[in-house]
Every structure is written in C-alpha cells, then in structure tokens.
C-alpha cells in the first residue's frame, strides 16, 4: 500500500514515465517528412549490351525470346516475382502504366518473372485481376543474372540497339509524372531521325 505522504512522489514518477513514453512515440513527428523516391537512383555503372551469347526467356505461347538480340524498340525490361513483396505491391501500378503507354510507337515492355512456372504467375495475375502486361519467364534466372540482377524488382531500359540506358533497383512508382517524363524523353531521343535513334 502506498503511503499518502508519498503520493506526490508517485504522481511525479508516473507523469515522468508517461512523458518519456509520449516523447519516444512522438519523436518521429518532429523530424522532417521522408521523401519517397519516385524513381530509384539509377545505377552508376550500367551493364554493357549483351552480345555474343543467348539470354533466352520463355514466352506464354511456348516460344522463346533471346534478350541478347537488339529489341529494335525502347524496351522496358522488368524482373519480378510473385513471392517478392515489393514486386507484388508495384505490379498493379506497372499494369496501369502499360495500359496508358502500351500503344505508344517505339516502346515495348517485358515483365520477366523469375517464378518457377507459368501456373504460379497466371494464378497470381488472375487472383489480382491483372491483364495486358507482356510477360516472360526466367525460372533459372539466366537472363536476370546476365543483366546483373540479384534482388527484385529490378528494371532496365534498353535502347533499340540493346544498350542499357537506365537501371533501377527496387520498386518504381509508375504513375508518377517523373517516370512518365523519363520514358517520354527516352522515346523522343530514340525516335527515327533523332540522334541516338
């Protein structure tokens, strides 16, 4: 039992403890808000174009595609997986981006899953109501490793000649104006009749 003479001391101790807890909880409110990156920082050293060896991925129609071959268009090459939380969070936004940009001339998207099989990918897409995204499968991660991918998601933008012009590690906010401005700029610089195109 607490002695009445000690009540002020107990009250002060309780108030001090409560103040300490509140200060700890509120400490982040005093910090400046974090800036969420729209585009992850591009890699300082971009991989060289892949030449001289096959980098095959499987397409949904049982054909294959060799990513060592120049794409002939600006190619957004996106590596992802259904078991990867950032990939899963990002993918619906990528699908919306492609709905808006898929008909732009000179642009191609290939979302390469590193899942084990098509059934896993297709079940995930169906469950999440995602359609219209061009897909490929790289279960052994052969092409992913050739580009230097070790973590997912990771995105490369290749010029029509196959040169990697951008590499982004981590999820991208595809709906952001900065992303669309970057893609538009690359499309303009790679259009026929332009330098570098």
Protein backbone atom coordinates (compact mmCIF):
# COMPACT_ATOMS: atom_id res chain seq x y z
CA UNK A 1 0.00 0.00 0.00
CA UNK A 2 1.24 3.48 -0.89
CA UNK A 3 1.66 5.92 1.97
CA UNK A 4 -0.31 9.15 1.42
CA UNK A 5 2.85 11.14 2.10
CA UNK A 6 4.45 9.50 -0.94
CA UNK A 7 1.54 10.21 -3.36
CA UNK A 8 3.14 13.37 -4.82
CA UNK A 9 6.38 11.44 -5.47
CA UNK A 10 4.47 8.57 -7.12
CA UNK A 11 2.44 11.03 -9.20
CA UNK A 12 5.61 12.75 -10.38
CA UNK A 13 7.22 9.39 -11.25
CA UNK A 14 4.12 8.29 -13.21
CA UNK A 15 3.95 11.65 -15.01
CA UNK A 16 7.66 11.44 -15.87
CA UNK A 17 7.25 7.91 -17.21
CA UNK A 18 4.22 8.95 -19.27
CA UNK A 19 6.12 11.96 -20.63
CA UNK A 20 9.06 9.75 -21.59
CA UNK A 21 6.77 7.31 -23.41
CA UNK A 22 4.98 10.14 -25.23
CA UNK A 23 8.30 11.74 -26.18
CA UNK A 24 9.53 8.42 -27.58
CA UNK A 25 6.33 7.86 -29.58
CA UNK A 26 6.20 11.46 -30.86
CA UNK A 27 9.90 11.79 -31.68
CA UNK A 28 9.36 10.97 -35.37
CA UNK A 29 6.68 13.65 -35.64
CA UNK A 30 9.39 16.26 -35.05
CA UNK A 31 11.53 15.03 -37.93
CA UNK A 32 11.15 16.35 -41.45
CA UNK A 33 8.96 14.03 -43.54
CA UNK A 34 10.81 11.42 -45.55
CA UNK A 35 10.97 11.93 -49.29
CA UNK A 36 9.61 8.98 -51.19
CA UNK A 37 11.62 8.42 -54.33
CA UNK A 38 9.60 8.30 -57.48
CA UNK A 39 12.45 6.79 -59.45
CA UNK A 40 15.08 4.84 -57.55
CA UNK A 41 18.59 6.10 -58.16
CA UNK A 42 19.96 4.85 -61.44
CA UNK A 43 22.99 2.65 -61.18
CA UNK A 44 26.29 4.49 -61.60
CA UNK A 45 27.64 1.74 -63.82
CA UNK A 46 25.23 0.36 -66.37
CA UNK A 47 25.84 -3.10 -67.78
CA UNK A 48 27.22 -3.30 -71.28
CA UNK A 49 24.91 -4.54 -74.04
CA UNK A 50 24.56 -8.30 -74.02
CA UNK A 51 26.11 -9.67 -77.17
CA UNK A 52 27.53 -12.94 -78.37
CA UNK A 53 25.54 -15.24 -76.12
CA UNK A 54 21.98 -16.38 -75.75
CA UNK A 55 19.83 -14.96 -72.95
CA UNK A 56 16.61 -16.85 -73.50
CA UNK A 57 13.33 -16.27 -71.70
CA UNK A 58 10.15 -18.29 -72.18
CA UNK A 59 7.08 -16.57 -73.63
CA UNK A 60 3.50 -17.55 -72.76
CA UNK A 61 2.86 -19.08 -76.21
CA UNK A 62 5.70 -21.62 -75.72
CA UNK A 63 8.11 -19.63 -77.89
CA UNK A 64 11.33 -18.16 -76.54
CA UNK A 65 12.96 -14.77 -76.86
CA UNK A 66 16.65 -14.04 -76.85
CA UNK A 67 17.27 -10.85 -74.87
CA UNK A 68 20.80 -10.72 -76.28
CA UNK A 69 19.25 -9.61 -79.58
CA UNK A 70 18.67 -5.86 -80.04
CA UNK A 71 14.99 -5.18 -79.33
CA UNK A 72 14.51 -2.69 -82.18
CA UNK A 73 12.41 -0.52 -79.84
CA UNK A 74 12.89 1.12 -76.47
CA UNK A 75 12.44 -1.88 -74.17
CA UNK A 76 11.42 -1.70 -70.51
CA UNK A 77 12.72 -4.97 -69.10
CA UNK A 78 11.23 -5.58 -65.67
CA UNK A 79 12.32 -8.50 -63.44
CA UNK A 80 9.86 -9.53 -60.73
CA UNK A 81 8.36 -12.49 -58.85
CA UNK A 82 5.04 -13.36 -57.22
CA UNK A 83 6.81 -14.23 -53.94
CA UNK A 84 8.51 -10.80 -53.73
CA UNK A 85 6.50 -8.29 -51.59
CA UNK A 86 7.82 -5.11 -53.29
CA UNK A 87 7.17 -6.69 -56.71
CA UNK A 88 3.61 -7.59 -55.75
CA UNK A 89 2.97 -4.05 -54.46
CA UNK A 90 4.43 -2.46 -57.60
CA UNK A 91 2.88 -4.67 -60.28
CA UNK A 92 -0.67 -3.21 -60.39
CA UNK A 93 0.85 0.26 -60.96
CA UNK A 94 3.05 -1.18 -63.73
CA UNK A 95 -0.09 -2.66 -65.33
CA UNK A 96 -1.83 0.74 -65.21
CA UNK A 97 1.26 2.38 -66.72
CA UNK A 98 1.24 -0.12 -69.57
CA UNK A 99 -2.46 0.44 -70.16
CA UNK A 100 -1.61 4.11 -70.78
CA UNK A 101 1.69 3.59 -72.64
CA UNK A 102 1.24 0.27 -74.41
CA UNK A 103 0.15 1.79 -77.71
CA UNK A 104 3.00 4.30 -77.93
CA UNK A 105 5.08 3.61 -81.05
CA UNK A 106 8.64 2.54 -80.42
CA UNK A 107 8.02 1.27 -76.88
CA UNK A 108 7.89 -2.26 -75.54
CA UNK A 109 7.53 -3.76 -72.07
CA UNK A 110 8.54 -7.23 -70.99
CA UNK A 111 7.83 -8.21 -67.39
CA UNK A 112 10.06 -11.22 -66.76
CA UNK A 113 9.01 -13.35 -63.81
CA UNK A 114 11.61 -15.48 -62.07
CA UNK A 115 8.92 -17.76 -60.65
CA UNK A 116 9.24 -21.49 -61.26
CA UNK A 117 6.35 -21.93 -63.69
CA UNK A 118 3.59 -20.24 -65.66
CA UNK A 119 0.86 -21.65 -63.46
CA UNK A 120 2.16 -19.71 -60.45
CA UNK A 121 2.35 -16.48 -62.46
CA UNK A 122 -1.04 -16.94 -64.14
CA UNK A 123 -2.78 -17.83 -60.86
CA UNK A 124 -1.35 -14.69 -59.22
CA UNK A 125 -2.38 -12.47 -62.16
CA UNK A 126 -5.89 -13.93 -62.18
CA UNK A 127 -6.26 -13.55 -58.40
CA UNK A 128 -5.24 -9.88 -58.68
CA UNK A 129 -7.24 -9.12 -61.83
CA UNK A 130 -4.20 -8.06 -63.85
CA UNK A 131 -4.22 -8.40 -67.62
CA UNK A 132 -2.50 -6.88 -70.62
CA UNK A 133 1.10 -6.91 -69.38
CA UNK A 134 3.55 -8.63 -71.78
CA UNK A 135 5.20 -11.46 -69.83
CA UNK A 136 8.14 -13.80 -69.98
CA UNK A 137 9.51 -16.44 -67.62
CA UNK A 138 13.10 -16.90 -66.45
CA UNK A 139 12.89 -19.62 -63.76
CA UNK A 140 16.65 -20.27 -63.69
CA UNK A 141 17.35 -16.52 -63.64
CA UNK A 142 19.76 -16.88 -66.54
CA UNK A 143 18.85 -13.61 -68.23
CA UNK A 144 18.39 -11.84 -64.88
CA UNK A 145 21.93 -12.78 -63.86
CA UNK A 146 23.27 -11.76 -67.27
CA UNK A 147 21.99 -8.25 -66.63
CA UNK A 148 23.35 -8.29 -63.07
CA UNK A 149 20.04 -8.68 -61.26
CA UNK A 150 20.26 -10.22 -57.80
CA UNK A 151 17.33 -8.59 -56.00
CA UNK A 152 13.81 -7.99 -57.21
CA UNK A 153 12.15 -5.96 -58.56
CA UNK A 154 14.70 -4.51 -60.93
CA UNK A 155 14.09 -2.64 -64.17
CA UNK A 156 16.30 -1.98 -67.17
CA UNK A 157 15.54 0.31 -70.06
CA UNK A 158 17.23 -0.78 -73.24
CA UNK A 159 17.73 1.32 -76.34
CA UNK A 160 16.60 -0.14 -79.68
CA UNK A 161 20.20 -1.30 -80.24
CA UNK A 162 20.23 -3.16 -76.91
CA UNK A 163 22.28 -0.71 -74.84
CA UNK A 164 21.13 -0.37 -71.22
CA UNK A 165 20.31 3.32 -70.80
CA UNK A 166 18.77 3.08 -67.31
CA UNK A 167 18.83 0.58 -64.49
CA UNK A 168 16.54 0.91 -61.48
CA UNK A 169 16.86 -1.21 -58.37
CA UNK A 170 13.67 -1.53 -56.37
CA UNK A 171 10.05 -0.68 -56.99
CA UNK A 172 9.13 2.27 -59.21
CA UNK A 173 6.06 4.46 -58.85
CA UNK A 174 4.96 4.04 -62.47
CA UNK A 175 2.11 6.54 -62.15
CA UNK A 176 4.44 9.37 -61.13
CA UNK A 177 4.96 12.25 -63.59
CA UNK A 178 8.76 11.93 -63.26
CA UNK A 179 8.64 8.33 -64.50
CA UNK A 180 6.45 9.20 -67.46
CA UNK A 181 8.59 12.22 -68.30
CA UNK A 182 11.69 9.99 -68.33
CA UNK A 183 10.05 7.42 -70.62
CA UNK A 184 8.72 10.18 -72.91
CA UNK A 185 12.19 11.72 -73.08
CA UNK A 186 13.79 8.39 -73.97
CA UNK A 187 11.14 7.77 -76.63
CA UNK A 188 11.81 11.17 -78.18
CA UNK A 189 15.59 10.68 -78.18
CA UNK A 190 15.25 7.20 -79.69
CA UNK A 191 12.67 8.05 -82.35
CA UNK A 192 13.72 7.62 -86.01
CA UNK A 193 15.58 10.60 -87.42
CA UNK A 194 16.90 11.64 -84.00
CA UNK A 195 20.48 11.36 -82.80
CA UNK A 196 20.91 8.07 -81.00
CA UNK A 197 17.82 6.58 -82.65
